[in-house]
Protein backbone atom coordinates (compact mmCIF):
# COMPACT_ATOMS: atom_id res chain seq x y z
CA MET A 1 -195.63 -7.95 44.48
CA ASP A 2 -199.19 -8.27 43.29
CA GLY A 3 -199.45 -7.52 39.68
CA LYS A 4 -202.15 -5.28 40.18
CA ARG A 5 -200.80 -2.99 42.52
CA GLY A 6 -200.36 0.55 41.75
CA ARG A 7 -202.06 0.18 38.48
CA GLY A 8 -204.54 2.70 37.36
CA SER A 9 -206.79 2.82 34.08
CA LEU A 10 -203.89 3.93 32.09
CA GLY A 11 -200.73 3.26 34.00
CA ALA A 12 -198.81 2.95 37.33
CA THR A 13 -200.05 4.63 40.27
CA VAL A 14 -197.36 6.99 42.10
CA MET A 15 -198.08 8.97 45.38
CA VAL A 16 -196.45 12.25 45.16
CA THR A 17 -196.08 13.78 48.59
CA GLY A 18 -195.95 17.77 48.42
CA GLY A 19 -197.94 17.33 45.04
CA ALA A 20 -199.28 20.70 45.21
CA GLY A 21 -195.78 22.33 45.69
CA TYR A 22 -193.26 23.55 42.97
CA ILE A 23 -191.49 20.37 41.97
CA GLY A 24 -193.96 18.03 43.13
CA SER A 25 -196.73 19.71 40.82
CA HIS A 26 -194.36 19.34 37.84
CA ALA A 27 -193.91 15.61 38.59
CA CYS A 28 -197.53 15.01 38.76
CA LYS A 29 -197.76 16.60 35.26
CA ALA A 30 -194.86 14.52 33.85
CA LEU A 31 -196.31 11.31 35.23
CA ALA A 32 -199.83 12.13 33.84
CA ALA A 33 -198.11 12.76 30.56
CA LEU A 34 -196.69 9.29 30.46
CA GLY A 35 -200.04 7.63 31.10
CA HIS A 36 -199.46 7.25 35.22
CA VAL A 37 -201.70 8.17 37.94
CA PRO A 38 -199.99 10.69 40.42
CA VAL A 39 -201.87 10.94 43.72
CA SER A 40 -200.88 14.06 45.25
CA PHE A 41 -200.79 14.41 49.08
CA ASP A 42 -200.12 17.69 50.42
CA ASN A 43 -201.58 19.68 53.45
CA TYR A 44 -201.52 23.03 51.44
CA SER A 45 -199.14 24.83 53.97
CA THR A 46 -196.88 26.03 51.34
CA GLY A 47 -198.55 24.38 47.97
CA TRP A 48 -201.45 25.69 46.01
CA ARG A 49 -204.79 23.53 45.50
CA GLU A 50 -205.10 25.11 41.73
CA ALA A 51 -201.59 23.19 40.97
CA VAL A 52 -203.26 19.88 41.66
CA LYS A 53 -204.61 19.22 38.20
CA TYR A 54 -203.22 15.99 36.80
CA GLY A 55 -204.65 13.43 39.13
CA PRO A 56 -206.30 12.65 42.48
CA ALA A 57 -205.86 14.82 45.36
CA GLU A 58 -205.63 13.83 48.88
CA GLU A 59 -205.22 16.24 51.84
CA GLY A 60 -203.36 15.40 54.82
CA ASP A 61 -200.31 16.06 57.02
CA LEU A 62 -197.25 13.96 56.39
CA ARG A 63 -196.94 13.28 60.42
CA ASP A 64 -200.43 11.82 60.26
CA GLY A 65 -199.80 8.19 60.14
CA ALA A 66 -203.29 7.08 60.19
CA ARG A 67 -204.14 9.52 57.38
CA LEU A 68 -201.16 8.02 55.19
CA ALA A 69 -202.29 4.62 55.78
CA GLU A 70 -205.73 5.41 54.69
CA VAL A 71 -204.69 6.97 51.43
CA LEU A 72 -202.02 4.39 50.71
CA ALA A 73 -204.79 1.66 51.18
CA ARG A 74 -207.08 3.43 48.98
CA HIS A 75 -204.62 4.00 46.02
CA ARG A 76 -202.15 1.39 46.71
CA PRO A 77 -199.36 3.26 44.80
CA ARG A 78 -196.34 1.31 43.10
CA ALA A 79 -194.12 3.81 44.31
CA VAL A 80 -193.67 7.35 46.35
CA LEU A 81 -192.05 10.35 45.27
CA HIS A 82 -191.43 12.27 48.53
CA PHE A 83 -191.01 16.08 47.93
CA ALA A 84 -193.18 17.17 50.94
CA ALA A 85 -190.91 19.42 53.43
CA LEU A 86 -189.98 22.83 54.69
CA SER A 87 -187.24 24.21 52.99
CA ASP A 88 -186.83 27.86 54.11
CA ILE A 89 -183.28 28.05 55.34
CA ALA A 90 -183.58 31.48 57.34
CA GLU A 91 -186.66 29.78 59.07
CA ALA A 92 -184.92 26.77 59.73
CA GLY A 93 -182.45 28.70 61.70
CA ARG A 94 -185.02 30.29 63.76
CA ASP A 95 -187.02 27.28 64.34
CA PRO A 96 -185.07 24.04 63.85
CA ALA A 97 -187.23 21.65 65.84
CA ARG A 98 -190.22 22.66 63.36
CA TYR A 99 -188.01 21.59 60.48
CA TRP A 100 -186.99 18.07 62.13
CA ASP A 101 -190.65 17.69 63.17
CA THR A 102 -191.73 18.04 59.45
CA ASN A 103 -188.64 16.68 57.60
CA VAL A 104 -187.53 13.90 59.82
CA VAL A 105 -190.75 12.81 61.64
CA GLY A 106 -192.89 13.26 58.75
CA THR A 107 -190.38 10.99 56.84
CA LEU A 108 -190.47 8.43 59.38
CA ARG A 109 -194.34 8.52 59.48
CA LEU A 110 -194.35 7.83 55.74
CA LEU A 111 -191.80 5.23 55.94
CA GLU A 112 -193.82 3.33 58.59
CA ALA A 113 -197.24 3.77 56.35
CA MET A 114 -195.21 2.39 53.48
CA ALA A 115 -194.20 -0.51 55.21
CA ALA A 116 -197.46 -1.50 56.57
CA ALA A 117 -199.20 -1.03 52.92
CA GLY A 118 -196.29 -2.99 51.23
CA THR A 119 -195.22 0.13 49.11
CA GLY A 120 -191.57 -0.68 48.58
CA GLN A 121 -190.12 2.11 46.10
CA LEU A 122 -189.31 5.39 47.27
CA VAL A 123 -187.65 8.37 45.53
CA PHE A 124 -186.46 10.95 47.98
CA SER A 125 -186.05 14.76 47.43
CA SER A 126 -182.89 15.93 49.31
CA THR A 127 -180.36 18.78 49.12
CA CYS A 128 -176.86 20.07 48.62
CA ALA A 129 -177.26 21.73 51.99
CA VAL A 130 -176.36 18.40 53.58
CA TYR A 131 -172.58 18.93 52.41
CA GLU A 132 -169.68 20.76 54.24
CA ALA A 133 -168.96 24.28 52.56
CA HIS A 134 -166.06 23.25 49.75
CA ASP A 135 -165.90 26.84 48.31
CA GLY A 136 -164.03 26.47 44.95
CA ARG A 137 -164.47 22.70 44.71
CA VAL A 138 -167.35 20.95 42.64
CA LEU A 139 -169.38 18.96 45.09
CA ASP A 140 -169.80 15.39 44.16
CA GLU A 141 -171.60 12.41 46.12
CA THR A 142 -168.24 11.45 48.02
CA CYS A 143 -167.87 14.96 49.38
CA PRO A 144 -167.77 15.12 53.34
CA LEU A 145 -171.16 16.01 54.81
CA GLY A 146 -171.84 18.99 56.96
CA PRO A 147 -174.55 19.92 57.07
CA LEU A 148 -174.64 23.73 56.09
CA ASN A 149 -177.53 24.80 58.05
CA ALA A 150 -180.57 23.30 59.98
CA TYR A 151 -182.33 22.73 57.17
CA GLY A 152 -179.76 20.57 55.91
CA ALA A 153 -179.32 18.80 58.98
CA SER A 154 -183.11 17.61 59.04
CA LYS A 155 -182.53 16.54 55.34
CA ARG A 156 -179.50 14.49 56.37
CA ALA A 157 -181.22 13.06 59.10
CA ALA A 158 -184.22 12.00 56.95
CA GLU A 159 -181.49 10.54 54.32
CA ASP A 160 -180.02 8.45 57.21
CA LEU A 161 -183.34 7.42 58.25
CA ILE A 162 -184.36 6.11 54.76
CA ARG A 163 -180.90 4.10 54.59
CA ASP A 164 -181.31 2.57 57.85
CA THR A 165 -184.99 1.44 57.10
CA ALA A 166 -183.77 0.05 53.82
CA ALA A 167 -181.20 -2.01 55.31
CA ALA A 168 -183.72 -3.56 57.69
CA SER A 169 -186.61 -3.76 55.39
CA GLY A 170 -185.38 -3.95 51.81
CA LEU A 171 -186.91 -0.63 50.85
CA ARG A 172 -185.47 0.10 47.20
CA HIS A 173 -185.11 3.95 47.08
CA VAL A 174 -183.04 6.58 45.23
CA ILE A 175 -182.15 9.78 47.04
CA PHE A 176 -181.36 12.97 44.99
CA ARG A 177 -179.53 16.18 46.43
CA TYR A 178 -180.69 19.05 44.47
CA PHE A 179 -178.94 22.26 44.04
CA ASN A 180 -181.09 25.51 43.04
CA VAL A 181 -184.08 24.50 41.29
CA ALA A 182 -185.42 27.01 38.87
CA GLY A 183 -187.55 27.65 35.87
CA ALA A 184 -191.19 26.43 35.02
CA ASP A 185 -193.28 24.53 32.72
CA PRO A 186 -192.73 25.48 29.27
CA SER A 187 -196.48 25.68 28.73
CA ALA A 188 -196.80 27.89 31.81
CA GLU A 189 -199.46 25.91 33.42
CA ILE A 190 -197.62 25.61 36.54
CA GLY A 191 -194.54 27.04 38.02
CA GLU A 192 -192.76 28.32 41.13
CA CYS A 193 -195.08 30.41 43.46
CA HIS A 194 -194.13 30.60 47.16
CA ARG A 195 -195.51 32.48 49.95
CA PRO A 196 -193.20 34.37 51.08
CA GLU A 197 -191.09 33.77 47.82
CA THR A 198 -187.41 33.21 48.92
CA HIS A 199 -186.02 31.86 45.75
CA LEU A 200 -183.69 34.27 43.45
CA VAL A 201 -185.17 33.87 40.12
CA PRO A 202 -188.76 34.56 40.79
CA ARG A 203 -187.76 37.44 43.32
CA ALA A 204 -185.81 39.10 40.68
CA LEU A 205 -188.57 38.57 38.00
CA ALA A 206 -190.97 40.36 40.77
CA ALA A 207 -188.65 43.31 41.36
CA ALA A 208 -188.22 43.92 37.73
CA ALA A 209 -191.79 43.90 37.39
CA GLY A 210 -192.09 46.43 40.20
CA GLN A 211 -193.90 43.78 42.37
CA GLY A 212 -193.25 44.55 46.08
CA ALA A 213 -189.88 45.74 47.57
CA GLY A 214 -186.69 45.77 45.61
CA LEU A 215 -184.20 42.59 45.74
CA ARG A 216 -181.99 42.29 48.64
CA ILE A 217 -178.47 40.71 48.13
CA ASN A 218 -177.54 38.85 51.11
CA GLY A 219 -173.73 39.31 51.08
CA THR A 220 -171.34 41.05 48.96
CA ASP A 221 -167.89 40.44 50.41
CA TYR A 222 -167.71 36.72 49.35
CA PRO A 223 -164.56 35.16 47.82
CA THR A 224 -166.07 35.25 44.33
CA PRO A 225 -165.56 37.31 41.17
CA ASP A 226 -168.10 39.75 42.05
CA GLY A 227 -168.47 39.40 45.61
CA THR A 228 -171.94 37.49 45.70
CA CYS A 229 -172.72 33.85 46.19
CA LEU A 230 -172.15 31.33 43.24
CA ARG A 231 -174.97 28.72 42.90
CA ASP A 232 -175.82 25.87 40.42
CA TYR A 233 -179.26 26.13 38.77
CA VAL A 234 -181.05 23.28 37.63
CA HIS A 235 -184.27 23.38 35.74
CA VAL A 236 -187.35 22.25 37.49
CA CYS A 237 -188.15 19.93 34.36
CA ASP A 238 -184.78 18.49 34.36
CA VAL A 239 -184.98 17.41 37.97
CA VAL A 240 -188.43 15.72 37.49
CA ALA A 241 -186.81 14.09 34.23
CA ALA A 242 -184.24 12.33 36.74
CA HIS A 243 -187.25 11.40 38.97
CA LEU A 244 -188.88 9.51 36.31
CA LEU A 245 -185.43 7.70 35.45
CA ALA A 246 -185.30 6.85 39.11
CA LEU A 247 -188.85 5.27 38.96
CA ASP A 248 -187.74 3.38 35.99
CA HIS A 249 -184.60 2.11 37.70
CA LEU A 250 -186.54 0.96 40.65
CA GLN A 251 -189.23 -0.84 38.58
CA ARG A 252 -186.42 -2.77 36.78
CA GLY A 253 -185.23 -3.87 40.10
CA GLY A 254 -182.57 -1.28 40.69
CA GLY A 255 -181.13 -0.97 44.20
CA PRO A 256 -180.44 2.08 46.38
CA GLU A 257 -178.69 5.00 44.81
CA LEU A 258 -177.61 8.64 45.76
CA PHE A 259 -177.28 11.10 43.25
CA ASN A 260 -176.47 14.98 42.90
CA LEU A 261 -178.77 17.01 40.44
CA GLY A 262 -177.37 20.36 39.04
CA SER A 263 -176.28 21.93 35.79
CA GLY A 264 -172.66 21.79 36.90
CA HIS A 265 -172.19 25.65 36.38
CA GLY A 266 -172.22 28.28 39.03
CA HIS A 267 -174.06 31.71 38.39
CA SER A 268 -173.47 34.63 41.02
CA VAL A 269 -176.35 36.50 42.31
CA ARG A 270 -175.28 39.42 40.23
CA GLU A 271 -175.10 37.43 37.16
CA VAL A 272 -178.77 36.23 37.58
CA ILE A 273 -179.89 39.47 38.06
CA ALA A 274 -178.27 40.71 35.09
CA ALA A 275 -179.90 37.71 33.01
CA VAL A 276 -183.30 38.82 34.43
CA GLU A 277 -182.82 42.43 33.23
CA ALA A 278 -181.40 41.26 29.72
CA ALA A 279 -184.59 38.93 29.38
CA THR A 280 -187.21 41.62 30.70
CA GLY A 281 -185.67 44.87 29.18
CA ARG A 282 -186.24 46.23 32.86
CA SER A 283 -183.84 47.01 35.82
CA VAL A 284 -183.94 44.95 38.89
CA PRO A 285 -183.82 47.51 41.94
CA VAL A 286 -181.54 46.04 44.51
CA GLU A 287 -180.19 46.84 48.03
CA GLU A 288 -177.27 45.42 49.73
CA GLY A 289 -177.26 43.57 53.11
CA PRO A 290 -175.08 41.24 55.13
CA ARG A 291 -174.33 37.75 54.70
CA ARG A 292 -177.21 35.39 55.59
CA PRO A 293 -176.52 32.81 58.34
CA GLY A 294 -175.70 29.27 56.83
CA ASP A 295 -174.88 30.56 53.19
CA CYS A 296 -171.62 29.92 51.85
CA ALA A 297 -169.45 31.45 49.02
CA ALA A 298 -170.15 28.61 46.22
CA LEU A 299 -172.23 25.40 45.63
CA VAL A 300 -171.61 23.81 42.34
CA SER A 301 -172.70 20.34 41.55
CA GLY A 302 -170.87 17.33 40.01
CA SER A 303 -173.85 15.26 38.51
CA ALA A 304 -171.78 12.66 36.61
CA ARG A 305 -173.12 9.63 38.41
CA ALA A 306 -176.59 10.50 37.41
CA ALA A 307 -175.75 10.68 33.87
CA GLU A 308 -173.73 7.29 34.14
CA ALA A 309 -176.20 5.24 36.14
CA LEU A 310 -179.40 6.60 34.98
CA GLY A 311 -178.59 8.25 31.51
CA TRP A 312 -179.73 11.72 32.95
CA THR A 313 -178.42 14.94 31.13
CA PRO A 314 -179.91 18.27 31.79
CA ARG A 315 -181.93 19.71 28.59
CA HIS A 316 -182.29 23.25 29.89
CA ALA A 317 -179.14 23.73 31.35
CA ALA A 318 -178.93 27.59 30.15
CA LEU A 319 -179.71 30.11 32.85
CA GLU A 320 -181.60 32.10 30.11
CA ASP A 321 -183.74 28.91 29.50
CA MET A 322 -184.81 28.71 33.31
CA ILE A 323 -185.52 32.53 33.45
CA ALA A 324 -187.29 32.42 30.23
CA THR A 325 -189.77 29.78 31.38
CA ALA A 326 -190.02 31.36 34.81
CA ARG A 327 -190.78 34.61 33.36
CA ALA A 328 -193.47 33.18 31.08
CA TRP A 329 -195.26 31.43 34.22
CA HIS A 330 -194.77 34.85 36.35
CA GLU A 331 -196.21 36.79 33.51
CA GLY A 332 -199.08 34.66 32.74
CA PRO A 333 -202.88 34.13 34.05
CA GLY A 334 -201.82 31.37 36.33
CA TYR A 335 -199.37 32.95 38.31
CA ARG A 336 -200.87 33.96 41.97
CA ARG A 337 -199.93 37.57 42.79
């Protein structure tokens, strides 16, 4: 590779698809803090322009191969962090074609553009929804794949596409399967803000603050200690830290890898609600409803491979820490209400 490729005035240039989104914006901040140049590529369908503040912004749709080629030619990034995707499980069930178009066809267009530009390193954001339901078992990378729902199906297909492309072209890549990402930048400069919001922690914080309707619990009859779903929550800054380690792994010549990212501990919906109430000193109004299609009783990660291969250990594994940073963002001046 050309030694000048991907070098900005301060460090490596890295293209971040979905750089205006929740995790992507945190990744851009972390890259800039290390002296790299994050180039955000986003169509702003779910992300916020105000979140792009740590490097160049390029507007475009992931399915637009010509626009991708133009951006890659201009910035010549050393690597791509691929976060851009649709991720609403309920919406995916109603409109799976839209999810396959964005998550799979969009990934195909990105891979084609990267190959044409000679960009040979990729870190891909996948999901634990690619696994089968294994209630009561910690999920590691050897567990059988399902997927759980249409969203997981689109991500599994994107994973397969990346692996097949790598086998044919030598693309070096790392795939991360996230569990439930939560929390926010400790300085509260950026955070989680979806429209509509579907994630439990920000929804519970909003309900505690009296914003909008009460919090709906989807299913109270699961085979768990309190009848609500158990999920593994991992802090967004820990997820980003894993991506930085993956970039270093690839830069040192490391080969393809697959890792789960989670804290290794499950928390029920009612436990999260109780933790939000303890943090805010306010009650969270709730209503109980039926199970949501595509949900399973428990999803808990085994992340030993990331620890062994990358040296990754979550620094913010406590649920209270995730809620505290999310609350600081939610109550701060930068949050979009």
